[in-house]
Protein backbone atom coordinates (compact mmCIF):
# COMPACT_ATOMS: atom_id res chain seq x y z
CA UNK A 1 28.40 -8.08 29.53
CA UNK A 2 25.23 -6.00 29.72
CA UNK A 3 21.77 -6.67 28.34
CA UNK A 4 20.25 -4.17 25.94
CA UNK A 5 16.65 -4.11 24.75
CA UNK A 6 15.72 -3.04 21.23
CA UNK A 7 13.99 0.34 21.18
CA UNK A 8 10.95 -0.51 19.05
CA UNK A 9 10.26 3.14 18.21
CA UNK A 10 13.75 3.62 16.75
CA UNK A 11 14.45 0.19 15.24
CA UNK A 12 13.48 -0.93 11.75
CA UNK A 13 13.80 -4.05 9.65
CA UNK A 14 13.29 -3.19 5.99
CA UNK A 15 13.68 -5.06 2.73
CA UNK A 16 13.93 -4.44 -0.99
CA UNK A 17 12.81 -6.77 -3.81
CA UNK A 18 12.85 -6.30 -7.56
CA UNK A 19 9.41 -6.06 -9.16
CA UNK A 20 8.92 -7.05 -12.80
CA UNK A 21 12.73 -7.11 -13.15
CA UNK A 22 12.88 -3.31 -13.56
CA UNK A 23 11.75 -1.57 -10.36
CA UNK A 24 12.19 -2.02 -6.62
CA UNK A 25 9.55 -2.51 -3.96
CA UNK A 26 10.51 -1.53 -0.44
CA UNK A 27 8.84 -2.63 2.73
CA UNK A 28 9.35 -3.02 6.44
CA UNK A 29 8.27 -5.08 9.41
CA UNK A 30 6.88 -3.19 12.41
CA UNK A 31 6.95 -4.15 16.06
CA UNK A 32 10.52 -5.44 16.10
CA UNK A 33 11.56 -6.68 19.55
CA UNK A 34 14.70 -8.28 20.88
CA UNK A 35 17.71 -8.23 23.15
CA UNK A 36 21.42 -7.81 22.71
CA UNK A 37 23.90 -9.23 25.21
CA UNK A 38 26.65 -6.71 24.46
CA UNK A 39 30.24 -7.14 25.62
CA UNK A 40 31.79 -3.70 25.06
CA UNK A 41 35.32 -4.98 25.79
CA UNK A 42 34.96 -7.86 23.30
CA UNK A 43 32.01 -7.40 20.94
CA UNK A 44 32.71 -10.81 19.38
CA UNK A 45 31.53 -12.36 22.69
CA UNK A 46 28.13 -10.66 22.31
CA UNK A 47 24.86 -12.17 21.13
CA UNK A 48 21.56 -10.95 19.68
CA UNK A 49 18.01 -12.29 19.43
CA UNK A 50 15.31 -10.49 17.42
CA UNK A 51 11.63 -11.19 16.67
CA UNK A 52 9.17 -9.46 14.40
CA UNK A 53 5.57 -10.25 13.51
CA UNK A 54 4.98 -11.48 9.97
CA UNK A 55 1.59 -9.76 9.85
CA UNK A 56 3.24 -6.38 10.46
CA UNK A 57 4.66 -6.29 6.92
CA UNK A 58 4.11 -2.89 5.32
CA UNK A 59 4.95 -1.97 1.73
CA UNK A 60 2.56 0.97 1.56
CA UNK A 61 0.02 -0.95 -0.51
CA UNK A 62 -2.70 -2.80 1.41
CA UNK A 63 -3.53 -5.36 -1.30
CA UNK A 64 0.16 -6.28 -1.72
CA UNK A 65 0.63 -6.48 2.06
CA UNK A 66 -2.38 -8.81 2.36
CA UNK A 67 -0.94 -11.02 -0.39
CA UNK A 68 2.44 -11.10 1.39
CA UNK A 69 0.68 -12.15 4.63
CA UNK A 70 -1.15 -14.97 2.80
CA UNK A 71 -0.09 -18.60 2.32
CA UNK A 72 1.52 -17.58 -1.02
CA UNK A 73 4.30 -15.87 0.95
CA UNK A 74 4.72 -15.55 4.74
CA UNK A 75 1.54 -17.41 5.76
CA UNK A 76 1.38 -15.13 8.81
CA UNK A 77 -1.53 -17.01 10.32
CA UNK A 78 0.47 -20.26 10.49
CA UNK A 79 3.92 -18.69 11.00
CA UNK A 80 3.25 -15.48 12.96
CA UNK A 81 6.84 -14.65 13.93
CA UNK A 82 10.12 -14.23 12.08
CA UNK A 83 13.25 -14.57 14.23
CA UNK A 84 16.99 -14.06 14.10
CA UNK A 85 19.31 -15.54 16.74
CA UNK A 86 23.06 -15.01 16.48
CA UNK A 87 25.42 -17.99 16.62
CA UNK A 88 28.76 -16.16 16.29
CA UNK A 89 30.26 -12.70 15.79
CA UNK A 90 33.55 -12.01 14.03
CA UNK A 91 35.41 -8.72 13.62
CA UNK A 92 35.85 -7.64 9.98
CA UNK A 93 38.02 -4.50 10.11
CA UNK A 94 35.88 -1.81 11.74
CA UNK A 95 32.71 -3.85 11.14
CA UNK A 96 31.35 -7.16 12.38
CA UNK A 97 30.00 -10.27 10.67
CA UNK A 98 27.12 -11.54 12.79
CA UNK A 99 26.24 -15.08 11.78
CA UNK A 100 22.91 -16.39 12.97
CA UNK A 101 19.81 -18.45 12.34
CA UNK A 102 17.02 -16.68 10.47
CA UNK A 103 13.62 -18.35 10.72
CA UNK A 104 10.98 -17.43 8.14
CA UNK A 105 7.90 -19.44 7.24
CA UNK A 106 8.94 -22.18 9.67
CA UNK A 107 12.32 -22.67 7.96
CA UNK A 108 15.59 -21.86 9.73
CA UNK A 109 18.73 -21.13 7.73
CA UNK A 110 22.02 -19.37 8.49
CA UNK A 111 22.66 -15.81 7.34
CA UNK A 112 25.48 -13.34 7.90
CA UNK A 113 24.73 -9.71 8.79
CA UNK A 114 27.37 -7.15 7.77
CA UNK A 115 27.13 -4.95 10.87
CA UNK A 116 28.43 -1.58 12.02
CA UNK A 117 28.35 -0.46 15.66
CA UNK A 118 27.47 3.25 15.51
CA UNK A 119 28.30 4.04 19.11
CA UNK A 120 26.84 4.51 22.57
CA UNK A 121 25.41 7.71 24.08
CA UNK A 122 23.95 8.63 27.46
CA UNK A 123 20.54 10.29 27.29
CA UNK A 124 19.05 12.90 29.61
CA UNK A 125 17.43 10.16 31.67
CA UNK A 126 20.86 8.67 32.45
CA UNK A 127 20.31 5.55 30.38
CA UNK A 128 22.74 4.50 27.70
CA UNK A 129 21.60 3.91 24.12
CA UNK A 130 23.48 2.04 21.39
CA UNK A 131 23.11 2.15 17.63
CA UNK A 132 23.81 -0.49 14.99
CA UNK A 133 23.26 -0.90 11.25
CA UNK A 134 23.29 -4.23 9.44
CA UNK A 135 22.64 -5.55 5.95
CA UNK A 136 22.36 -8.91 4.25
CA UNK A 137 20.90 -10.51 1.14
CA UNK A 138 18.91 -13.72 1.04
CA UNK A 139 17.17 -15.87 -1.54
CA UNK A 140 13.55 -16.09 -0.45
CA UNK A 141 13.23 -19.50 -2.11
CA UNK A 142 15.67 -20.87 0.52
CA UNK A 143 12.87 -20.31 3.06
CA UNK A 144 10.13 -21.86 0.89
CA UNK A 145 8.83 -18.50 -0.38
CA UNK A 146 8.56 -19.54 -4.02
CA UNK A 147 5.32 -17.95 -5.27
CA UNK A 148 5.90 -16.09 -8.54
CA UNK A 149 4.52 -15.27 -11.96
CA UNK A 150 6.52 -15.54 -15.17
CA UNK A 151 6.61 -12.44 -17.36
CA UNK A 152 5.89 -12.52 -21.10
CA UNK A 153 9.19 -10.75 -21.72
CA UNK A 154 11.09 -13.27 -19.58
CA UNK A 155 12.01 -13.14 -15.94
CA UNK A 156 9.75 -13.03 -12.91
CA UNK A 157 7.28 -10.72 -11.23
CA UNK A 158 9.15 -10.88 -7.89
CA UNK A 159 12.91 -11.35 -7.52
CA UNK A 160 14.26 -14.28 -5.55
CA UNK A 161 17.01 -12.11 -4.05
CA UNK A 162 15.89 -9.87 -1.21
CA UNK A 163 18.09 -7.17 0.36
CA UNK A 164 17.53 -6.69 4.10
CA UNK A 165 18.53 -3.63 6.15
CA UNK A 166 18.38 -3.21 9.90
CA UNK A 167 18.59 0.09 11.75
CA UNK A 168 18.82 -0.76 15.43
CA UNK A 169 18.59 1.38 18.55
CA UNK A 170 18.96 -0.41 21.86
CA UNK A 171 18.55 0.71 25.47
CA UNK A 172 20.78 -0.67 28.18
CA UNK A 173 18.77 -2.46 30.86
CA UNK A 174 20.47 -1.00 33.89
CA UNK A 175 19.43 1.15 36.79
CA UNK A 176 19.18 4.87 36.07
CA UNK A 177 21.61 6.77 38.31
CA UNK A 178 19.74 8.28 41.29
CA UNK A 179 21.17 11.76 40.64
CA UNK A 180 19.78 11.87 37.07
CA UNK A 181 16.24 13.10 36.38
CA UNK A 182 14.01 10.88 34.30
CA UNK A 183 13.26 12.39 30.90
CA UNK A 184 11.63 10.98 27.84
CA UNK A 185 13.94 9.87 25.05
CA UNK A 186 11.11 8.91 22.73
CA UNK A 187 11.64 11.70 20.19
């Protein structure tokens, strides 16, 4: 089993929420870090741990981002980090169900990520890189994120259900072969 480090420049954690019951707001967290203990022979024996800063939330609208960082939502000053730590991995056809503990706003609850392993490639620098995609849906109220405003026409300003998508690139933490030149893989 080898250890892989998330490639922050090529990894994203994004989300989608309904706004006013009729449109979607999309956003992302920046600065995602983490490690994957990846068993290529038996991926179900693998594990993953990911962290991302609550204050890094970005929906493309500064006033909304500041509200999401406030005590009404993530309370980023009190709870600066969101985390996911896997507890089990099961094969589901050609995909994997990664069950783990998601901690938001100081509350930890289990979630299941529907995950696809996209493959492994060797870059010019001799290092191996792996790709993964994962999705899940959560109810934000399960993590104590209950701020909302009722609409005159019925319904709520912000949906309780949040769709989460992860696009993950990871670099194997292993020695670069001596016969391979070092080259940047940052593009």
